[in-house]
PDB file of all heavy atoms in Angstrom:
ATOM      1  N   SER A   1       0.837  -1.200   0.000  1.00  0.00           N
ATOM      2  CA  SER A   1       0.000   0.000   0.000  1.00  0.00           C
ATOM      3  C   SER A   1       0.871   1.249   0.000  1.00  0.00           C
ATOM      4  O   SER A   1       2.052   1.196   0.361  1.00  0.00           O
ATOM      5  CB  SER A   1      -0.885   0.011   1.245  1.00  0.00           C
ATOM      6  OG  SER A   1      -0.092   0.280   2.401  1.00  0.00           O
ATOM      7  N   PRO A   2       0.317   2.389  -0.385  1.00  0.00           N
ATOM      8  CA  PRO A   2       1.014   3.652  -0.129  1.00  0.00           C
ATOM      9  C   PRO A   2       1.168   3.836   1.378  1.00  0.00           C
ATOM     10  O   PRO A   2       0.494   3.171   2.180  1.00  0.00           O
ATOM     11  CB  PRO A   2       0.071   4.700  -0.730  1.00  0.00           C
ATOM     12  CG  PRO A   2      -0.800   3.956  -1.671  1.00  0.00           C
ATOM     13  CD  PRO A   2      -0.960   2.586  -1.080  1.00  0.00           C
ATOM     14  N   ALA A   3       2.029   4.737   1.766  1.00  0.00           N
ATOM     15  CA  ALA A   3       2.212   5.002   3.189  1.00  0.00           C
ATOM     16  C   ALA A   3       0.931   5.588   3.787  1.00  0.00           C
ATOM     17  O   ALA A   3       0.272   6.423   3.174  1.00  0.00           O
ATOM     18  CB  ALA A   3       3.370   5.971   3.393  1.00  0.00           C
ATOM     19  N   ASN A   4       0.579   5.113   4.961  1.00  0.00           N
ATOM     20  CA  ASN A   4      -0.590   5.657   5.649  1.00  0.00           C
ATOM     21  C   ASN A   4      -0.365   7.136   5.948  1.00  0.00           C
ATOM     22  O   ASN A   4       0.718   7.525   6.382  1.00  0.00           O
ATOM     23  CB  ASN A   4      -0.816   4.877   6.956  1.00  0.00           C
ATOM     24  CG  ASN A   4      -2.045   5.335   7.694  1.00  0.00           C
ATOM     25  OD1 ASN A   4      -2.979   5.856   7.084  1.00  0.00           O
ATOM     26  ND2 ASN A   4      -2.056   5.156   9.004  1.00  0.00           N
ATOM     27  N   ASP A   5      -1.397   7.948   5.697  1.00  0.00           N
ATOM     28  CA  ASP A   5      -1.215   9.388   5.876  1.00  0.00           C
ATOM     29  C   ASP A   5      -1.946   9.947   7.087  1.00  0.00           C
ATOM     30  O   ASP A   5      -2.011  11.156   7.268  1.00  0.00           O
ATOM     31  CB  ASP A   5      -1.648  10.135   4.607  1.00  0.00           C
ATOM     32  CG  ASP A   5      -3.119   9.890   4.269  1.00  0.00           C
ATOM     33  OD1 ASP A   5      -3.785   9.135   4.998  1.00  0.00           O
ATOM     34  OD2 ASP A   5      -3.582  10.449   3.259  1.00  0.00           O
ATOM     35  N   ARG A   6      -2.496   9.076   7.938  1.00  0.00           N
ATOM     36  CA  ARG A   6      -3.141   9.540   9.169  1.00  0.00           C
ATOM     37  C   ARG A   6      -3.292   8.363  10.128  1.00  0.00           C
ATOM     38  O   ARG A   6      -3.308   7.209   9.721  1.00  0.00           O
ATOM     39  CB  ARG A   6      -4.490  10.168   8.859  1.00  0.00           C
ATOM     40  CG  ARG A   6      -5.533   9.217   8.319  1.00  0.00           C
ATOM     41  CD  ARG A   6      -6.684   9.945   7.661  1.00  0.00           C
ATOM     42  NE  ARG A   6      -6.325  10.320   6.305  1.00  0.00           N
ATOM     43  CZ  ARG A   6      -7.114  11.021   5.496  1.00  0.00           C
ATOM     44  NH1 ARG A   6      -8.286  11.435   5.886  1.00  0.00           N
ATOM     45  NH2 ARG A   6      -6.737  11.317   4.273  1.00  0.00           N
ATOM     46  N   ASN A   7      -3.387   8.655  11.421  1.00  0.00           N
ATOM     47  CA  ASN A   7      -3.566   7.599  12.407  1.00  0.00           C
ATOM     48  C   ASN A   7      -4.921   6.925  12.199  1.00  0.00           C
ATOM     49  O   ASN A   7      -5.919   7.582  11.880  1.00  0.00           O
ATOM     50  CB  ASN A   7      -3.481   8.161  13.828  1.00  0.00           C
ATOM     51  CG  ASN A   7      -2.079   8.617  14.173  1.00  0.00           C
ATOM     52  OD1 ASN A   7      -1.099   8.024  13.724  1.00  0.00           O
ATOM     53  ND2 ASN A   7      -1.963   9.678  14.968  1.00  0.00           N
ATOM     54  N   ALA A   8      -4.949   5.610  12.378  1.00  0.00           N
ATOM     55  CA  ALA A   8      -6.176   4.858  12.127  1.00  0.00           C
ATOM     56  C   ALA A   8      -6.137   3.550  12.890  1.00  0.00           C
ATOM     57  O   ALA A   8      -5.137   3.217  13.557  1.00  0.00           O
ATOM     58  CB  ALA A   8      -6.340   4.599  10.629  1.00  0.00           C
ATOM     59  N   LEU A   9      -7.221   2.799  12.808  1.00  0.00           N
ATOM     60  CA  LEU A   9      -7.313   1.471  13.408  1.00  0.00           C
ATOM     61  C   LEU A   9      -7.583   0.456  12.306  1.00  0.00           C
ATOM     62  O   LEU A   9      -8.469   0.651  11.473  1.00  0.00           O
ATOM     63  CB  LEU A   9      -8.439   1.414  14.444  1.00  0.00           C
ATOM     64  CG  LEU A   9      -8.280   2.263  15.701  1.00  0.00           C
ATOM     65  CD1 LEU A   9      -9.570   2.235  16.524  1.00  0.00           C
ATOM     66  CD2 LEU A   9      -7.103   1.768  16.533  1.00  0.00           C
ATOM     67  N   LEU A  10      -6.836  -0.623  12.315  1.00  0.00           N
ATOM     68  CA  LEU A  10      -7.034  -1.702  11.359  1.00  0.00           C
ATOM     69  C   LEU A  10      -8.083  -2.663  11.921  1.00  0.00           C
ATOM     70  O   LEU A  10      -7.940  -3.177  13.032  1.00  0.00           O
ATOM     71  CB  LEU A  10      -5.711  -2.431  11.122  1.00  0.00           C
ATOM     72  CG  LEU A  10      -5.696  -3.556  10.091  1.00  0.00           C
ATOM     73  CD1 LEU A  10      -6.077  -3.037   8.716  1.00  0.00           C
ATOM     74  CD2 LEU A  10      -4.313  -4.205  10.050  1.00  0.00           C
ATOM     75  N   LEU A  11      -9.161  -2.908  11.135  1.00  0.00           N
ATOM     76  CA  LEU A  11     -10.305  -3.684  11.635  1.00  0.00           C
ATOM     77  C   LEU A  11     -10.377  -5.105  11.099  1.00  0.00           C
ATOM     78  O   LEU A  11     -10.896  -5.990  11.787  1.00  0.00           O
ATOM     79  CB  LEU A  11     -11.617  -2.965  11.283  1.00  0.00           C
ATOM     80  CG  LEU A  11     -11.793  -1.538  11.790  1.00  0.00           C
ATOM     81  CD1 LEU A  11     -13.147  -1.004  11.343  1.00  0.00           C
ATOM     82  CD2 LEU A  11     -11.666  -1.483  13.297  1.00  0.00           C
ATOM     83  N   GLY A  12      -9.923  -5.344   9.866  1.00  0.00           N
ATOM     84  CA  GLY A  12     -10.073  -6.689   9.321  1.00  0.00           C
ATOM     85  C   GLY A  12      -9.597  -6.791   7.891  1.00  0.00           C
ATOM     86  O   GLY A  12      -9.179  -5.800   7.278  1.00  0.00           O
ATOM     87  N   PHE A  13      -9.672  -8.018   7.356  1.00  0.00           N
ATOM     88  CA  PHE A  13      -9.121  -8.318   6.043  1.00  0.00           C
ATOM     89  C   PHE A  13     -10.116  -9.132   5.213  1.00  0.00           C
ATOM     90  O   PHE A  13     -10.919  -9.895   5.741  1.00  0.00           O
ATOM     91  CB  PHE A  13      -7.840  -9.154   6.166  1.00  0.00           C
ATOM     92  CG  PHE A  13      -6.891  -8.679   7.223  1.00  0.00           C
ATOM     93  CD1 PHE A  13      -6.890  -9.255   8.487  1.00  0.00           C
ATOM     94  CD2 PHE A  13      -5.999  -7.656   6.967  1.00  0.00           C
ATOM     95  CE1 PHE A  13      -6.018  -8.830   9.470  1.00  0.00           C
ATOM     96  CE2 PHE A  13      -5.118  -7.215   7.943  1.00  0.00           C
ATOM     97  CZ  PHE A  13      -5.130  -7.805   9.204  1.00  0.00           C
ATOM     98  N   MET A  14     -10.009  -8.982   3.890  1.00  0.00           N
ATOM     99  CA  MET A  14     -10.735  -9.862   2.965  1.00  0.00           C
ATOM    100  C   MET A  14      -9.875 -10.061   1.731  1.00  0.00           C
ATOM    101  O   MET A  14      -9.914  -9.279   0.783  1.00  0.00           O
ATOM    102  CB  MET A  14     -12.089  -9.279   2.575  1.00  0.00           C
ATOM    103  CG  MET A  14     -12.899 -10.244   1.708  1.00  0.00           C
ATOM    104  SD  MET A  14     -14.527  -9.582   1.275  1.00  0.00           S
ATOM    105  CE  MET A  14     -14.910 -10.570  -0.182  1.00  0.00           C
ATOM    106  N   PRO A  15      -9.061 -11.115   1.706  1.00  0.00           N
ATOM    107  CA  PRO A  15      -8.225 -11.379   0.536  1.00  0.00           C
ATOM    108  C   PRO A  15      -9.069 -11.879  -0.621  1.00  0.00           C
ATOM    109  O   PRO A  15     -10.077 -12.561  -0.430  1.00  0.00           O
ATOM    110  CB  PRO A  15      -7.274 -12.476   1.033  1.00  0.00           C
ATOM    111  CG  PRO A  15      -8.037 -13.173   2.113  1.00  0.00           C
ATOM    112  CD  PRO A  15      -8.876 -12.118   2.780  1.00  0.00           C
ATOM    113  N   HIS A  16      -8.640 -11.538  -1.832  1.00  0.00           N
ATOM    114  CA  HIS A  16      -9.421 -11.941  -2.999  1.00  0.00           C
ATOM    115  C   HIS A  16      -8.514 -12.405  -4.127  1.00  0.00           C
ATOM    116  O   HIS A  16      -7.622 -11.694  -4.571  1.00  0.00           O
ATOM    117  CB  HIS A  16     -10.293 -10.783  -3.485  1.00  0.00           C
ATOM    118  CG  HIS A  16     -11.092 -11.141  -4.703  1.00  0.00           C
ATOM    119  ND1 HIS A  16     -12.117 -12.050  -4.672  1.00  0.00           N
ATOM    120  CD2 HIS A  16     -10.993 -10.728  -5.989  1.00  0.00           C
ATOM    121  CE1 HIS A  16     -12.623 -12.173  -5.886  1.00  0.00           C
ATOM    122  NE2 HIS A  16     -11.959 -11.391  -6.702  1.00  0.00           N
ATOM    123  N   MET A  17      -8.753 -13.646  -4.563  1.00  0.00           N
ATOM    124  CA  MET A  17      -8.121 -14.208  -5.758  1.00  0.00           C
ATOM    125  C   MET A  17      -9.182 -15.037  -6.470  1.00  0.00           C
ATOM    126  O   MET A  17     -10.312 -15.146  -6.007  1.00  0.00           O
ATOM    127  CB  MET A  17      -6.911 -15.077  -5.371  1.00  0.00           C
ATOM    128  CG  MET A  17      -5.785 -14.316  -4.692  1.00  0.00           C
ATOM    129  SD  MET A  17      -4.296 -15.341  -4.447  1.00  0.00           S
ATOM    130  CE  MET A  17      -4.786 -16.326  -3.041  1.00  0.00           C
ATOM    131  N   HIS A  18      -8.803 -15.641  -7.593  1.00  0.00           N
ATOM    132  CA  HIS A  18      -9.734 -16.485  -8.332  1.00  0.00           C
ATOM    133  C   HIS A  18      -9.319 -17.949  -8.204  1.00  0.00           C
ATOM    134  O   HIS A  18      -8.791 -18.366  -7.182  1.00  0.00           O
ATOM    135  CB  HIS A  18      -9.813 -16.044  -9.786  1.00  0.00           C
ATOM    136  CG  HIS A  18     -10.469 -14.707  -9.971  1.00  0.00           C
ATOM    137  ND1 HIS A  18     -10.599 -14.087 -11.192  1.00  0.00           N
ATOM    138  CD2 HIS A  18     -11.047 -13.860  -9.080  1.00  0.00           C
ATOM    139  CE1 HIS A  18     -11.215 -12.928 -11.053  1.00  0.00           C
ATOM    140  NE2 HIS A  18     -11.487 -12.773  -9.777  1.00  0.00           N
ATOM    141  N   LEU A  19      -9.517 -18.722  -9.264  1.00  0.00           N
ATOM    142  CA  LEU A  19      -9.390 -20.177  -9.175  1.00  0.00           C
ATOM    143  C   LEU A  19      -7.963 -20.670  -8.987  1.00  0.00           C
ATOM    144  O   LEU A  19      -7.746 -21.784  -8.515  1.00  0.00           O
ATOM    145  CB  LEU A  19      -9.977 -20.828 -10.424  1.00  0.00           C
ATOM    146  CG  LEU A  19     -11.481 -20.612 -10.624  1.00  0.00           C
ATOM    147  CD1 LEU A  19     -11.929 -21.205 -11.942  1.00  0.00           C
ATOM    148  CD2 LEU A  19     -12.264 -21.215  -9.479  1.00  0.00           C
ATOM    149  N   ARG A  20      -6.967 -19.854  -9.360  1.00  0.00           N
ATOM    150  CA  ARG A  20      -5.575 -20.296  -9.170  1.00  0.00           C
ATOM    151  C   ARG A  20      -5.010 -19.866  -7.826  1.00  0.00           C
ATOM    152  O   ARG A  20      -3.875 -20.157  -7.496  1.00  0.00           O
ATOM    153  CB  ARG A  20      -4.678 -19.748 -10.274  1.00  0.00           C
ATOM    154  CG  ARG A  20      -4.864 -20.429 -11.636  1.00  0.00           C
ATOM    155  CD  ARG A  20      -5.896 -19.752 -12.432  1.00  0.00           C
ATOM    156  NE  ARG A  20      -5.913 -20.179 -13.837  1.00  0.00           N
ATOM    157  CZ  ARG A  20      -6.812 -19.735 -14.708  1.00  0.00           C
ATOM    158  NH1 ARG A  20      -7.732 -18.874 -14.342  1.00  0.00           N
ATOM    159  NH2 ARG A  20      -6.791 -20.163 -15.958  1.00  0.00           N
ATOM    160  N   GLY A  21      -5.828 -19.142  -7.044  1.00  0.00           N
ATOM    161  CA  GLY A  21      -5.352 -18.665  -5.747  1.00  0.00           C
ATOM    162  C   GLY A  21      -4.914 -19.802  -4.845  1.00  0.00           C
ATOM    163  O   GLY A  21      -5.618 -20.801  -4.692  1.00  0.00           O
ATOM    164  N   LYS A  22      -3.754 -19.657  -4.218  1.00  0.00           N
ATOM    165  CA  LYS A  22      -3.172 -20.720  -3.388  1.00  0.00           C
ATOM    166  C   LYS A  22      -2.987 -20.288  -1.943  1.00  0.00           C
ATOM    167  O   LYS A  22      -3.348 -21.018  -1.021  1.00  0.00           O
ATOM    168  CB  LYS A  22      -1.830 -21.145  -3.990  1.00  0.00           C
ATOM    169  CG  LYS A  22      -1.137 -22.280  -3.256  1.00  0.00           C
ATOM    170  CD  LYS A  22       0.159 -22.669  -3.977  1.00  0.00           C
ATOM    171  CE  LYS A  22       0.859 -23.831  -3.287  1.00  0.00           C
ATOM    172  NZ  LYS A  22       2.119 -24.204  -3.992  1.00  0.00           N
ATOM    173  N   SER A  23      -2.414 -19.108  -1.729  1.00  0.00           N
ATOM    174  CA  SER A  23      -2.194 -18.628  -0.358  1.00  0.00           C
ATOM    175  C   SER A  23      -2.172 -17.107  -0.361  1.00  0.00           C
ATOM    176  O   SER A  23      -1.959 -16.472  -1.405  1.00  0.00           O
ATOM    177  CB  SER A  23      -0.884 -19.179   0.216  1.00  0.00           C
ATOM    178  OG  SER A  23       0.232 -18.697  -0.516  1.00  0.00           O
ATOM    179  N   PHE A  24      -2.356 -16.521   0.826  1.00  0.00           N
ATOM    180  CA  PHE A  24      -2.406 -15.056   0.936  1.00  0.00           C
ATOM    181  C   PHE A  24      -1.934 -14.663   2.328  1.00  0.00           C
ATOM    182  O   PHE A  24      -2.319 -15.280   3.327  1.00  0.00           O
ATOM    183  CB  PHE A  24      -3.835 -14.548   0.715  1.00  0.00           C
ATOM    184  CG  PHE A  24      -3.907 -13.178   0.112  1.00  0.00           C
ATOM    185  CD1 PHE A  24      -4.221 -13.005  -1.224  1.00  0.00           C
ATOM    186  CD2 PHE A  24      -3.669 -12.047   0.876  1.00  0.00           C
ATOM    187  CE1 PHE A  24      -4.299 -11.739  -1.805  1.00  0.00           C
ATOM    188  CE2 PHE A  24      -3.739 -10.778   0.323  1.00  0.00           C
ATOM    189  CZ  PHE A  24      -4.056 -10.622  -1.020  1.00  0.00           C
ATOM    190  N   ARG A  25      -1.104 -13.614   2.386  1.00  0.00           N
ATOM    191  CA  ARG A  25      -0.568 -13.158   3.671  1.00  0.00           C
ATOM    192  C   ARG A  25      -0.540 -11.634   3.709  1.00  0.00           C
ATOM    193  O   ARG A  25      -0.210 -10.978   2.721  1.00  0.00           O
ATOM    194  CB  ARG A  25       0.852 -13.704   3.874  1.00  0.00           C
ATOM    195  CG  ARG A  25       1.434 -13.398   5.252  1.00  0.00           C
ATOM    196  CD  ARG A  25       2.812 -14.029   5.440  1.00  0.00           C
ATOM    197  NE  ARG A  25       3.855 -13.314   4.706  1.00  0.00           N
ATOM    198  CZ  ARG A  25       4.601 -13.837   3.753  1.00  0.00           C
ATOM    199  NH1 ARG A  25       4.404 -15.095   3.374  1.00  0.00           N
ATOM    200  NH2 ARG A  25       5.528 -13.115   3.154  1.00  0.00           N
ATOM    201  N   TYR A  26      -0.909 -11.063   4.858  1.00  0.00           N
ATOM    202  CA  TYR A  26      -0.822  -9.619   5.100  1.00  0.00           C
ATOM    203  C   TYR A  26       0.281  -9.353   6.129  1.00  0.00           C
ATOM    204  O   TYR A  26       0.394 -10.078   7.113  1.00  0.00           O
ATOM    205  CB  TYR A  26      -2.121  -9.078   5.681  1.00  0.00           C
ATOM    206  CG  TYR A  26      -3.313  -8.991   4.765  1.00  0.00           C
ATOM    207  CD1 TYR A  26      -4.014 -10.125   4.394  1.00  0.00           C
ATOM    208  CD2 TYR A  26      -3.787  -7.751   4.314  1.00  0.00           C
ATOM    209  CE1 TYR A  26      -5.143 -10.047   3.588  1.00  0.00           C
ATOM    210  CE2 TYR A  26      -4.916  -7.663   3.506  1.00  0.00           C
ATOM    211  CZ  TYR A  26      -5.589  -8.815   3.148  1.00  0.00           C
ATOM    212  OH  TYR A  26      -6.709  -8.724   2.368  1.00  0.00           O
ATOM    213  N   GLU A  27       1.048  -8.274   5.881  1.00  0.00           N
ATOM    214  CA  GLU A  27       2.062  -7.830   6.837  1.00  0.00           C
ATOM    215  C   GLU A  27       1.867  -6.348   7.139  1.00  0.00           C
ATOM    216  O   GLU A  27       1.415  -5.584   6.285  1.00  0.00           O
ATOM    217  CB  GLU A  27       3.474  -8.017   6.271  1.00  0.00           C
ATOM    218  CG  GLU A  27       3.891  -9.443   6.015  1.00  0.00           C
ATOM    219  CD  GLU A  27       5.278  -9.518   5.384  1.00  0.00           C
ATOM    220  OE1 GLU A  27       5.976  -8.468   5.336  1.00  0.00           O
ATOM    221  OE2 GLU A  27       5.669 -10.602   4.929  1.00  0.00           O
ATOM    222  N   LEU A  28       2.244  -5.961   8.335  1.00  0.00           N
ATOM    223  CA  LEU A  28       2.328  -4.545   8.702  1.00  0.00           C
ATOM    224  C   LEU A  28       3.799  -4.158   8.660  1.00  0.00           C
ATOM    225  O   LEU A  28       4.623  -4.727   9.391  1.00  0.00           O
ATOM    226  CB  LEU A  28       1.755  -4.316  10.101  1.00  0.00           C
ATOM    227  CG  LEU A  28       1.883  -2.886  10.654  1.00  0.00           C
ATOM    228  CD1 LEU A  28       1.152  -1.892   9.763  1.00  0.00           C
ATOM    229  CD2 LEU A  28       1.354  -2.823  12.083  1.00  0.00           C
ATOM    230  N   ARG A  29       4.136  -3.197   7.784  1.00  0.00           N
ATOM    231  CA  ARG A  29       5.530  -2.820   7.601  1.00  0.00           C
ATOM    232  C   ARG A  29       5.761  -1.362   7.980  1.00  0.00           C
ATOM    233  O   ARG A  29       4.883  -0.520   7.788  1.00  0.00           O
ATOM    234  CB  ARG A  29       5.975  -3.048   6.151  1.00  0.00           C
ATOM    235  CG  ARG A  29       6.040  -4.515   5.752  1.00  0.00           C
ATOM    236  CD  ARG A  29       6.623  -4.699   4.366  1.00  0.00           C
ATOM    237  NE  ARG A  29       6.885  -6.103   4.067  1.00  0.00           N
ATOM    238  CZ  ARG A  29       7.498  -6.545   2.977  1.00  0.00           C
ATOM    239  NH1 ARG A  29       7.907  -5.668   2.054  1.00  0.00           N
ATOM    240  NH2 ARG A  29       7.708  -7.828   2.790  1.00  0.00           N
ATOM    241  N   LYS A  30       6.967  -1.093   8.453  1.00  0.00           N
ATOM    242  CA  LYS A  30       7.372   0.277   8.759  1.00  0.00           C
ATOM    243  C   LYS A  30       8.102   0.911   7.579  1.00  0.00           C
ATOM    244  O   LYS A  30       8.154   2.138   7.472  1.00  0.00           O
ATOM    245  CB  LYS A  30       8.263   0.295   9.996  1.00  0.00           C
ATOM    246  CG  LYS A  30       7.544  -0.160  11.265  1.00  0.00           C
ATOM    247  CD  LYS A  30       6.356   0.734  11.585  1.00  0.00           C
ATOM    248  CE  LYS A  30       5.623   0.304  12.829  1.00  0.00           C
ATOM    249  NZ  LYS A  30       4.437   1.172  13.125  1.00  0.00           N
ATOM    250  N   THR A  31       8.670   0.091   6.727  1.00  0.00           N
ATOM    251  CA  THR A  31       9.259   0.545   5.471  1.00  0.00           C
ATOM    252  C   THR A  31       8.731  -0.374   4.376  1.00  0.00           C
ATOM    253  O   THR A  31       8.445  -1.547   4.624  1.00  0.00           O
ATOM    254  CB  THR A  31      10.804   0.489   5.494  1.00  0.00           C
ATOM    255  OG1 THR A  31      11.216  -0.861   5.751  1.00  0.00           O
ATOM    256  CG2 THR A  31      11.358   1.391   6.591  1.00  0.00           C
ATOM    257  N   PRO A  32       8.617   0.122   3.139  1.00  0.00           N
ATOM    258  CA  PRO A  32       7.956  -0.673   2.098  1.00  0.00           C
ATOM    259  C   PRO A  32       8.702  -1.925   1.680  1.00  0.00           C
ATOM    260  O   PRO A  32       8.095  -2.868   1.188  1.00  0.00           O
ATOM    261  CB  PRO A  32       7.831   0.316   0.934  1.00  0.00           C
ATOM    262  CG  PRO A  32       8.884   1.332   1.172  1.00  0.00           C
ATOM    263  CD  PRO A  32       8.985   1.462   2.660  1.00  0.00           C
ATOM    264  N   ASP A  33      10.039  -1.949   1.877  1.00  0.00           N
ATOM    265  CA  ASP A  33      10.818  -3.068   1.349  1.00  0.00           C
ATOM    266  C   ASP A  33      11.422  -3.971   2.412  1.00  0.00           C
ATOM    267  O   ASP A  33      12.229  -4.853   2.110  1.00  0.00           O
ATOM    268  CB  ASP A  33      11.925  -2.544   0.435  1.00  0.00           C
ATOM    269  CG  ASP A  33      12.801  -1.504   1.124  1.00  0.00           C
ATOM    270  OD1 ASP A  33      12.495  -1.146   2.283  1.00  0.00           O
ATOM    271  OD2 ASP A  33      13.778  -1.060   0.510  1.00  0.00           O
ATOM    272  N   GLN A  34      11.054  -3.787   3.675  1.00  0.00           N
ATOM    273  CA  GLN A  34      11.570  -4.631   4.748  1.00  0.00           C
ATOM    274  C   GLN A  34      10.439  -5.444   5.365  1.00  0.00           C
ATOM    275  O   GLN A  34       9.370  -4.905   5.644  1.00  0.00           O
ATOM    276  CB  GLN A  34      12.236  -3.775   5.833  1.00  0.00           C
ATOM    277  CG  GLN A  34      13.496  -3.061   5.378  1.00  0.00           C
ATOM    278  CD  GLN A  34      14.598  -4.037   4.997  1.00  0.00           C
ATOM    279  OE1 GLN A  34      14.819  -5.041   5.674  1.00  0.00           O
ATOM    280  NE2 GLN A  34      15.288  -3.743   3.895  1.00  0.00           N
ATOM    281  N   PRO A  35      10.641  -6.762   5.570  1.00  0.00           N
ATOM    282  CA  PRO A  35       9.588  -7.598   6.163  1.00  0.00           C
ATOM    283  C   PRO A  35       9.108  -7.028   7.489  1.00  0.00           C
ATOM    284  O   PRO A  35       9.873  -6.414   8.243  1.00  0.00           O
ATOM    285  CB  PRO A  35      10.280  -8.952   6.366  1.00  0.00           C
ATOM    286  CG  PRO A  35      11.395  -8.957   5.361  1.00  0.00           C
ATOM    287  CD  PRO A  35      11.858  -7.527   5.269  1.00  0.00           C
ATOM    288  N   GLY A  36       7.823  -7.236   7.758  1.00  0.00           N
ATOM    289  CA  GLY A  36       7.248  -6.717   8.994  1.00  0.00           C
ATOM    290  C   GLY A  36       6.472  -7.785   9.735  1.00  0.00           C
ATOM    291  O   GLY A  36       6.633  -8.989   9.501  1.00  0.00           O
ATOM    292  N   GLU A  37       5.577  -7.360  10.597  1.00  0.00           N
ATOM    293  CA  GLU A  37       4.770  -8.270  11.411  1.00  0.00           C
ATOM    294  C   GLU A  37       3.695  -8.924  10.542  1.00  0.00           C
ATOM    295  O   GLU A  37       2.962  -8.248   9.815  1.00  0.00           O
ATOM    296  CB  GLU A  37       4.110  -7.489  12.548  1.00  0.00           C
ATOM    297  CG  GLU A  37       3.161  -8.319  13.395  1.00  0.00           C
ATOM    298  CD  GLU A  37       2.350  -7.475  14.354  1.00  0.00           C
ATOM    299  OE1 GLU A  37       2.567  -6.247  14.387  1.00  0.00           O
ATOM    300  OE2 GLU A  37       1.485  -8.034  15.065  1.00  0.00           O
ATOM    301  N   VAL A  38       3.588 -10.250  10.632  1.00  0.00           N
ATOM    302  CA  VAL A  38       2.537 -10.966   9.910  1.00  0.00           C
ATOM    303  C   VAL A  38       1.221 -10.775  10.662  1.00  0.00           C
ATOM    304  O   VAL A  38       1.098 -11.129  11.833  1.00  0.00           O
ATOM    305  CB  VAL A  38       2.860 -12.462   9.770  1.00  0.00           C
ATOM    306  CG1 VAL A  38       1.699 -13.198   9.098  1.00  0.00           C
ATOM    307  CG2 VAL A  38       4.141 -12.660   8.967  1.00  0.00           C
ATOM    308  N   LEU A  39       0.247 -10.203   9.982  1.00  0.00           N
ATOM    309  CA  LEU A  39      -1.048  -9.930  10.602  1.00  0.00           C
ATOM    310  C   LEU A  39      -2.013 -11.102  10.450  1.00  0.00           C
ATOM    311  O   LEU A  39      -2.785 -11.407  11.358  1.00  0.00           O
ATOM    312  CB  LEU A  39      -1.662  -8.677   9.970  1.00  0.00           C
ATOM    313  CG  LEU A  39      -0.850  -7.392  10.118  1.00  0.00           C
ATOM    314  CD1 LEU A  39      -1.455  -6.282   9.268  1.00  0.00           C
ATOM    315  CD2 LEU A  39      -0.786  -6.974  11.581  1.00  0.00           C
ATOM    316  N   ILE A  40      -1.993 -11.723   9.276  1.00  0.00           N
ATOM    317  CA  ILE A  40      -2.832 -12.884   9.017  1.00  0.00           C
ATOM    318  C   ILE A  40      -2.192 -13.690   7.902  1.00  0.00           C
ATOM    319  O   ILE A  40      -1.631 -13.123   6.962  1.00  0.00           O
ATOM    320  CB  ILE A  40      -4.277 -12.485   8.628  1.00  0.00           C
ATOM    321  CG1 ILE A  40      -5.161 -13.732   8.462  1.00  0.00           C
ATOM    322  CG2 ILE A  40      -4.309 -11.629   7.380  1.00  0.00           C
ATOM    323  CD1 ILE A  40      -6.630 -13.406   8.265  1.00  0.00           C
ATOM    324  N   ASP A  41      -2.268 -15.005   8.026  1.00  0.00           N
ATOM    325  CA  ASP A  41      -1.720 -15.895   7.010  1.00  0.00           C
ATOM    326  C   ASP A  41      -2.790 -16.917   6.642  1.00  0.00           C
ATOM    327  O   ASP A  41      -3.354 -17.578   7.518  1.00  0.00           O
ATOM    328  CB  ASP A  41      -0.469 -16.600   7.535  1.00  0.00           C
ATOM    329  CG  ASP A  41       0.157 -17.505   6.495  1.00  0.00           C
ATOM    330  OD1 ASP A  41       0.159 -17.126   5.311  1.00  0.00           O
ATOM    331  OD2 ASP A  41       0.648 -18.597   6.861  1.00  0.00           O
ATOM    332  N   ILE A  42      -3.099 -17.000   5.356  1.00  0.00           N
ATOM    333  CA  ILE A  42      -4.072 -17.962   4.856  1.00  0.00           C
ATOM    334  C   ILE A  42      -3.303 -18.926   3.964  1.00  0.00           C
ATOM    335  O   ILE A  42      -3.105 -18.675   2.774  1.00  0.00           O
ATOM    336  CB  ILE A  42      -5.211 -17.261   4.089  1.00  0.00           C
ATOM    337  CG1 ILE A  42      -5.975 -16.347   5.034  1.00  0.00           C
ATOM    338  CG2 ILE A  42      -6.183 -18.268   3.490  1.00  0.00           C
ATOM    339  CD1 ILE A  42      -6.200 -14.992   4.525  1.00  0.00           C
ATOM    340  N   PRO A  43      -2.811 -20.029   4.520  1.00  0.00           N
ATOM    341  CA  PRO A  43      -1.927 -20.925   3.764  1.00  0.00           C
ATOM    342  C   PRO A  43      -2.621 -21.700   2.663  1.00  0.00           C
ATOM    343  O   PRO A  43      -1.971 -22.161   1.722  1.00  0.00           O
ATOM    344  CB  PRO A  43      -1.382 -21.873   4.837  1.00  0.00           C
ATOM    345  CG  PRO A  43      -2.395 -21.842   5.929  1.00  0.00           C
ATOM    346  CD  PRO A  43      -2.986 -20.463   5.918  1.00  0.00           C
ATOM    347  N   ALA A  44      -3.946 -21.880   2.766  1.00  0.00           N
ATOM    348  CA  ALA A  44      -4.691 -22.624   1.742  1.00  0.00           C
ATOM    349  C   ALA A  44      -5.924 -21.812   1.370  1.00  0.00           C
ATOM    350  O   ALA A  44      -7.025 -22.046   1.867  1.00  0.00           O
ATOM    351  CB  ALA A  44      -5.076 -24.007   2.248  1.00  0.00           C
TER     352      ALA A  44
END
């Protein structure tokens, strides 16, 4: 995502793919190119 431009609260997730979708993961990052905290992992 672009950098957040105001304080906020994160409420939830809804990942979306089609028939080839295999896995999906969200992270909270402090910089765009460095790994951050895993918020949710959907392995299947």
